[in-house]
N, C-alpha and C. Protein backbone atom coordinates (compact mmCIF):
# COMPACT_ATOMS: atom_id res chain seq x y z
N CYS A 1 0.88 -1.26 0.03
CA CYS A 1 -0.04 -0.16 -0.03
C CYS A 1 0.89 1.26 0.08
N ARG A 2 0.64 2.13 -0.94
CA ARG A 2 1.61 3.42 -1.10
C ARG A 2 0.54 4.55 -1.05
N LEU A 3 1.05 5.53 -0.59
CA LEU A 3 0.20 6.88 -0.50
C LEU A 3 0.50 7.40 -1.65
N ARG A 4 -0.56 8.12 -2.41
CA ARG A 4 -0.53 8.74 -3.81
C ARG A 4 0.35 10.10 -3.51
N PRO A 5 1.21 10.71 -4.46
CA PRO A 5 1.94 11.72 -4.21
C PRO A 5 1.12 12.96 -4.08
N PHE A 6 1.37 13.91 -3.06
CA PHE A 6 0.79 14.99 -2.73
C PHE A 6 1.62 16.37 -2.99
N SER A 7 0.87 17.27 -3.73
CA SER A 7 1.54 18.62 -3.88
C SER A 7 0.39 19.60 -3.72
N CYS A 8 1.09 20.93 -3.58
CA CYS A 8 0.27 22.13 -3.53
C CYS A 8 0.89 23.40 -4.01
N GLU A 9 0.07 24.15 -4.63
CA GLU A 9 0.42 25.28 -5.17
C GLU A 9 -0.41 26.66 -4.75
N LEU A 10 0.45 27.66 -4.26
CA LEU A 10 -0.29 28.73 -3.78
C LEU A 10 -0.32 29.91 -4.78
N GLY A 11 -1.40 30.68 -4.44
CA GLY A 11 -1.78 31.85 -5.25
C GLY A 11 -2.05 31.82 -6.72
N LEU A 12 -2.80 30.77 -7.03
CA LEU A 12 -3.13 30.66 -8.61
C LEU A 12 -4.24 31.68 -9.03
N LEU A 13 -5.15 32.10 -8.21
CA LEU A 13 -6.36 32.97 -8.52
C LEU A 13 -5.74 34.33 -7.99
N SER A 14 -6.48 35.25 -8.80
CA SER A 14 -6.22 36.76 -8.31
C SER A 14 -7.37 37.32 -7.60
N ARG A 15 -8.56 36.82 -7.93
CA ARG A 15 -9.82 37.51 -7.13
C ARG A 15 -9.89 37.16 -5.56
N PRO A 16 -9.55 35.77 -5.23
CA PRO A 16 -9.75 35.79 -3.61
C PRO A 16 -8.51 36.39 -2.98
N ASP A 17 -8.81 36.36 -1.80
CA ASP A 17 -7.81 36.79 -0.75
C ASP A 17 -6.63 35.88 -0.68
N GLY A 18 -6.89 34.52 -0.88
CA GLY A 18 -5.83 33.66 -1.09
C GLY A 18 -6.52 32.39 -1.72
N SER A 19 -5.41 31.75 -2.42
CA SER A 19 -5.91 30.42 -2.97
C SER A 19 -4.90 29.55 -3.19
N ALA A 20 -5.23 28.20 -3.37
CA ALA A 20 -4.18 27.21 -3.45
C ALA A 20 -5.11 25.96 -4.29
N THR A 21 -4.22 25.11 -4.97
CA THR A 21 -4.58 24.04 -5.52
C THR A 21 -3.94 22.90 -4.82
N PHE A 22 -4.53 21.88 -4.60
CA PHE A 22 -4.05 20.69 -3.85
C PHE A 22 -4.32 19.42 -4.90
N LEU A 23 -3.36 18.57 -5.01
CA LEU A 23 -3.04 17.45 -5.82
C LEU A 23 -2.65 16.40 -5.12
N GLN A 24 -3.46 15.18 -5.27
CA GLN A 24 -3.03 13.91 -4.46
C GLN A 24 -3.44 12.79 -5.57
N GLY A 25 -2.40 12.44 -6.20
CA GLY A 25 -2.53 11.41 -7.34
C GLY A 25 -3.17 12.24 -8.43
N ASP A 26 -4.32 11.58 -9.00
CA ASP A 26 -5.07 12.12 -10.10
C ASP A 26 -6.36 12.99 -9.42
N THR A 27 -6.35 13.21 -8.20
CA THR A 27 -7.26 13.98 -7.74
C THR A 27 -6.74 15.52 -7.51
N SER A 28 -7.50 16.61 -7.66
CA SER A 28 -7.14 17.91 -7.54
C SER A 28 -8.34 18.80 -7.17
N VAL A 29 -8.08 19.73 -6.26
CA VAL A 29 -9.17 20.53 -5.55
C VAL A 29 -8.43 21.96 -5.61
N LEU A 30 -9.32 22.93 -6.07
CA LEU A 30 -8.95 24.50 -5.94
C LEU A 30 -9.52 25.04 -4.96
N ALA A 31 -8.84 25.87 -4.04
CA ALA A 31 -9.53 26.63 -2.89
C ALA A 31 -9.21 27.90 -3.02
N GLY A 32 -10.29 28.70 -2.74
CA GLY A 32 -10.25 30.23 -2.66
C GLY A 32 -10.77 30.65 -1.19
N LEU A 33 -10.07 31.42 -0.73
CA LEU A 33 -10.46 32.02 0.70
C LEU A 33 -10.58 33.57 0.59
N TYR A 34 -11.77 33.86 1.16
CA TYR A 34 -12.31 35.28 1.05
C TYR A 34 -12.48 35.86 2.50
N GLY A 35 -11.90 36.96 2.71
CA GLY A 35 -12.23 37.61 4.01
C GLY A 35 -10.73 37.69 4.91
N PRO A 36 -10.92 38.20 6.00
CA PRO A 36 -12.32 38.56 6.69
C PRO A 36 -12.85 39.67 6.13
N ALA A 37 -14.16 39.60 5.88
CA ALA A 37 -15.11 40.89 5.26
C ALA A 37 -16.34 40.96 6.08
N GLU A 38 -17.12 42.17 5.69
CA GLU A 38 -18.27 42.40 6.50
C GLU A 38 -19.28 41.33 6.37
N ALA A 39 -19.70 40.78 7.52
CA ALA A 39 -20.78 39.72 7.38
C ALA A 39 -22.00 40.05 7.32
N ARG A 40 -22.99 39.42 6.94
CA ARG A 40 -24.36 39.62 6.86
C ARG A 40 -24.88 39.57 8.24
N ILE A 41 -25.78 40.44 8.48
CA ILE A 41 -26.31 40.66 9.89
C ILE A 41 -26.81 39.22 10.53
N SER A 42 -27.35 38.45 9.44
CA SER A 42 -27.95 37.24 9.84
C SER A 42 -26.73 36.07 10.28
N LYS A 43 -25.57 36.42 9.80
CA LYS A 43 -24.56 35.31 9.82
C LYS A 43 -23.40 35.89 10.91
N GLU A 44 -23.59 37.26 11.28
CA GLU A 44 -22.59 37.85 12.14
C GLU A 44 -22.55 37.17 13.60
N LEU A 45 -21.28 37.06 14.06
CA LEU A 45 -21.06 36.40 15.50
C LEU A 45 -20.36 37.57 16.25
N PRO A 46 -20.77 37.79 17.49
CA PRO A 46 -20.33 39.11 18.26
C PRO A 46 -18.77 38.90 18.39
N ASP A 47 -18.42 37.60 18.82
CA ASP A 47 -17.15 37.33 19.48
C ASP A 47 -16.25 36.78 18.59
N ARG A 48 -16.48 36.41 17.28
CA ARG A 48 -15.56 35.84 16.37
C ARG A 48 -16.03 35.80 15.01
N ALA A 49 -15.06 35.62 13.80
CA ALA A 49 -15.37 35.61 12.48
C ALA A 49 -16.29 34.43 12.25
N ALA A 50 -17.43 34.54 11.35
CA ALA A 50 -18.04 33.45 10.96
C ALA A 50 -17.56 32.82 9.83
N LEU A 51 -17.17 31.51 9.96
CA LEU A 51 -16.49 30.76 8.92
C LEU A 51 -17.56 29.89 8.17
N GLU A 52 -17.47 30.20 6.60
CA GLU A 52 -18.53 29.50 5.87
C GLU A 52 -17.73 28.63 4.76
N VAL A 53 -17.98 27.15 4.67
CA VAL A 53 -17.19 26.41 3.80
C VAL A 53 -18.11 26.01 2.66
N LEU A 54 -17.80 26.16 1.34
CA LEU A 54 -18.64 25.50 0.22
C LEU A 54 -17.81 24.62 -0.63
N LEU A 55 -18.37 23.64 -0.69
CA LEU A 55 -17.78 22.40 -1.40
C LEU A 55 -18.54 22.20 -2.86
N ARG A 56 -17.76 22.60 -3.79
CA ARG A 56 -18.53 22.30 -5.17
C ARG A 56 -17.92 21.04 -5.85
N PRO A 57 -18.80 20.18 -6.17
CA PRO A 57 -18.42 19.00 -7.00
C PRO A 57 -17.96 19.48 -8.32
N LYS A 58 -17.27 18.28 -8.91
CA LYS A 58 -16.75 18.57 -10.26
C LYS A 58 -17.95 19.02 -11.33
N VAL A 59 -19.12 18.15 -11.21
CA VAL A 59 -20.12 18.30 -11.95
C VAL A 59 -21.43 18.27 -11.10
N GLY A 60 -22.54 19.22 -11.55
CA GLY A 60 -23.86 19.00 -10.73
C GLY A 60 -23.80 20.04 -9.56
N LEU A 61 -24.75 19.66 -8.88
CA LEU A 61 -25.00 20.42 -7.61
C LEU A 61 -24.57 20.04 -6.44
N PRO A 62 -24.23 20.55 -5.29
CA PRO A 62 -23.88 19.73 -3.97
C PRO A 62 -24.92 19.14 -3.47
N GLY A 63 -24.64 17.91 -3.18
CA GLY A 63 -25.58 17.15 -2.45
C GLY A 63 -25.35 16.82 -0.99
N VAL A 64 -25.96 15.72 -0.61
CA VAL A 64 -25.70 15.47 0.89
C VAL A 64 -24.37 15.14 1.43
N LEU A 65 -23.64 14.33 0.46
CA LEU A 65 -22.29 14.21 0.72
C LEU A 65 -21.26 15.50 0.85
N GLU A 66 -21.49 16.42 -0.03
CA GLU A 66 -20.69 17.72 0.02
C GLU A 66 -21.15 18.36 1.33
N ARG A 67 -22.43 18.60 1.59
CA ARG A 67 -22.93 19.00 2.83
C ARG A 67 -22.11 18.46 4.06
N SER A 68 -22.32 17.04 4.16
CA SER A 68 -21.50 16.52 5.16
C SER A 68 -20.00 16.87 5.47
N ARG A 69 -19.43 16.89 4.03
CA ARG A 69 -17.80 17.15 4.11
C ARG A 69 -17.64 18.72 4.54
N GLU A 70 -18.78 19.72 3.94
CA GLU A 70 -18.48 21.08 4.22
C GLU A 70 -18.41 21.17 5.83
N GLN A 71 -19.51 20.53 6.51
CA GLN A 71 -19.64 20.74 8.04
C GLN A 71 -18.33 20.04 8.65
N LEU A 72 -17.56 18.97 8.20
CA LEU A 72 -16.49 18.53 8.54
C LEU A 72 -15.23 19.50 8.51
N LEU A 73 -15.24 19.89 7.29
CA LEU A 73 -14.09 21.09 7.01
C LEU A 73 -14.46 22.33 7.85
N ARG A 74 -15.54 22.73 8.02
CA ARG A 74 -15.75 23.95 8.76
C ARG A 74 -15.39 23.77 10.33
N GLN A 75 -15.67 22.66 10.71
CA GLN A 75 -15.27 22.10 12.07
C GLN A 75 -13.89 22.20 12.27
N THR A 76 -13.24 21.67 11.29
CA THR A 76 -11.76 21.44 11.32
C THR A 76 -11.06 22.86 11.21
N CYS A 77 -11.70 23.85 10.25
CA CYS A 77 -10.91 24.93 10.00
C CYS A 77 -11.24 25.98 11.25
N GLU A 78 -12.29 25.87 11.78
CA GLU A 78 -12.76 26.61 12.98
C GLU A 78 -11.50 26.53 14.12
N ALA A 79 -11.04 25.19 14.36
CA ALA A 79 -10.20 24.93 15.47
C ALA A 79 -8.78 25.42 15.08
N VAL A 80 -8.55 26.04 13.76
CA VAL A 80 -7.27 26.70 13.72
C VAL A 80 -7.16 28.11 13.11
N VAL A 81 -8.37 28.67 12.56
CA VAL A 81 -8.58 29.86 12.12
C VAL A 81 -8.60 30.71 13.45
N LEU A 82 -7.90 32.04 13.48
CA LEU A 82 -7.97 32.76 14.84
C LEU A 82 -9.07 33.70 14.53
N GLY A 83 -10.46 33.27 14.53
CA GLY A 83 -11.58 34.12 14.22
C GLY A 83 -11.77 35.13 15.25
N VAL A 84 -11.16 34.95 16.41
CA VAL A 84 -11.40 35.91 17.64
C VAL A 84 -10.81 37.37 17.11
N LEU A 85 -9.60 37.19 16.46
CA LEU A 85 -9.02 38.54 15.97
C LEU A 85 -9.84 39.32 15.03
N HIS A 86 -10.82 38.83 14.58
CA HIS A 86 -11.99 39.46 13.49
C HIS A 86 -13.41 39.12 13.94
N PRO A 87 -13.69 39.71 15.21
CA PRO A 87 -15.19 39.51 15.39
C PRO A 87 -16.09 40.36 14.49
N ARG A 88 -17.29 39.80 14.13
CA ARG A 88 -18.22 40.29 13.47
C ARG A 88 -18.06 40.43 12.00
N THR A 89 -17.19 39.45 11.69
CA THR A 89 -16.80 39.37 10.04
C THR A 89 -17.16 38.08 9.59
N ALA A 90 -16.83 37.88 8.41
CA ALA A 90 -17.12 36.47 7.57
C ALA A 90 -15.95 36.13 7.02
N ILE A 91 -15.59 34.85 6.97
CA ILE A 91 -14.47 34.26 6.13
C ILE A 91 -15.05 33.11 5.38
N SER A 92 -14.91 33.06 4.06
CA SER A 92 -15.56 32.13 3.08
C SER A 92 -14.40 31.32 2.61
N LEU A 93 -14.49 29.90 2.83
CA LEU A 93 -13.58 28.89 1.95
C LEU A 93 -14.45 28.39 0.78
N VAL A 94 -14.03 28.49 -0.39
CA VAL A 94 -14.83 27.80 -1.61
C VAL A 94 -13.92 26.85 -1.96
N LEU A 95 -14.23 25.68 -2.16
CA LEU A 95 -13.38 24.50 -2.63
C LEU A 95 -14.20 24.02 -3.80
N GLN A 96 -13.36 23.80 -5.07
CA GLN A 96 -14.07 23.39 -6.38
C GLN A 96 -13.11 21.89 -6.54
N VAL A 97 -13.86 21.01 -6.69
CA VAL A 97 -13.17 19.59 -7.03
C VAL A 97 -13.19 19.79 -8.64
N LEU A 98 -11.75 19.79 -9.10
CA LEU A 98 -11.41 19.68 -10.49
C LEU A 98 -11.30 18.20 -11.05
N SER A 99 -11.05 17.26 -10.26
CA SER A 99 -10.95 15.94 -10.58
C SER A 99 -10.85 14.91 -9.39
N ASP A 100 -11.52 14.05 -9.51
CA ASP A 100 -11.58 13.11 -8.41
C ASP A 100 -11.12 11.56 -8.68
N ALA A 101 -10.17 11.17 -8.34
CA ALA A 101 -9.55 9.69 -8.49
C ALA A 101 -9.67 9.05 -7.21
N GLY A 102 -10.28 9.55 -6.21
CA GLY A 102 -10.64 8.63 -4.96
C GLY A 102 -9.75 9.24 -3.74
N SER A 103 -9.43 10.40 -3.89
CA SER A 103 -8.58 11.11 -2.72
C SER A 103 -9.39 12.42 -2.25
N VAL A 104 -10.54 12.59 -2.68
CA VAL A 104 -11.11 13.91 -2.18
C VAL A 104 -11.41 13.74 -0.84
């Protein structure tokens, strides 16, 4: 059993505040990070930044699997993002699956 080779490139997109592409074997995911920015009143948190994670499949609309993965990714990222430095703001992480060969 061997792990598939992993690589990452930073800063591929110009519009997000940060971006990266992650490749493992023939699987690739493009990530764009936006924020901190002004949060909508309905999503604003008084003590920290609100983190939103959106996972877009290669084709079609997001389903139950993507929503479950979004929740897991949001919980994981909330543990490492210093949201208390930017209360009442929003941070959005958008992930686009470019190809999936079993490593998503």
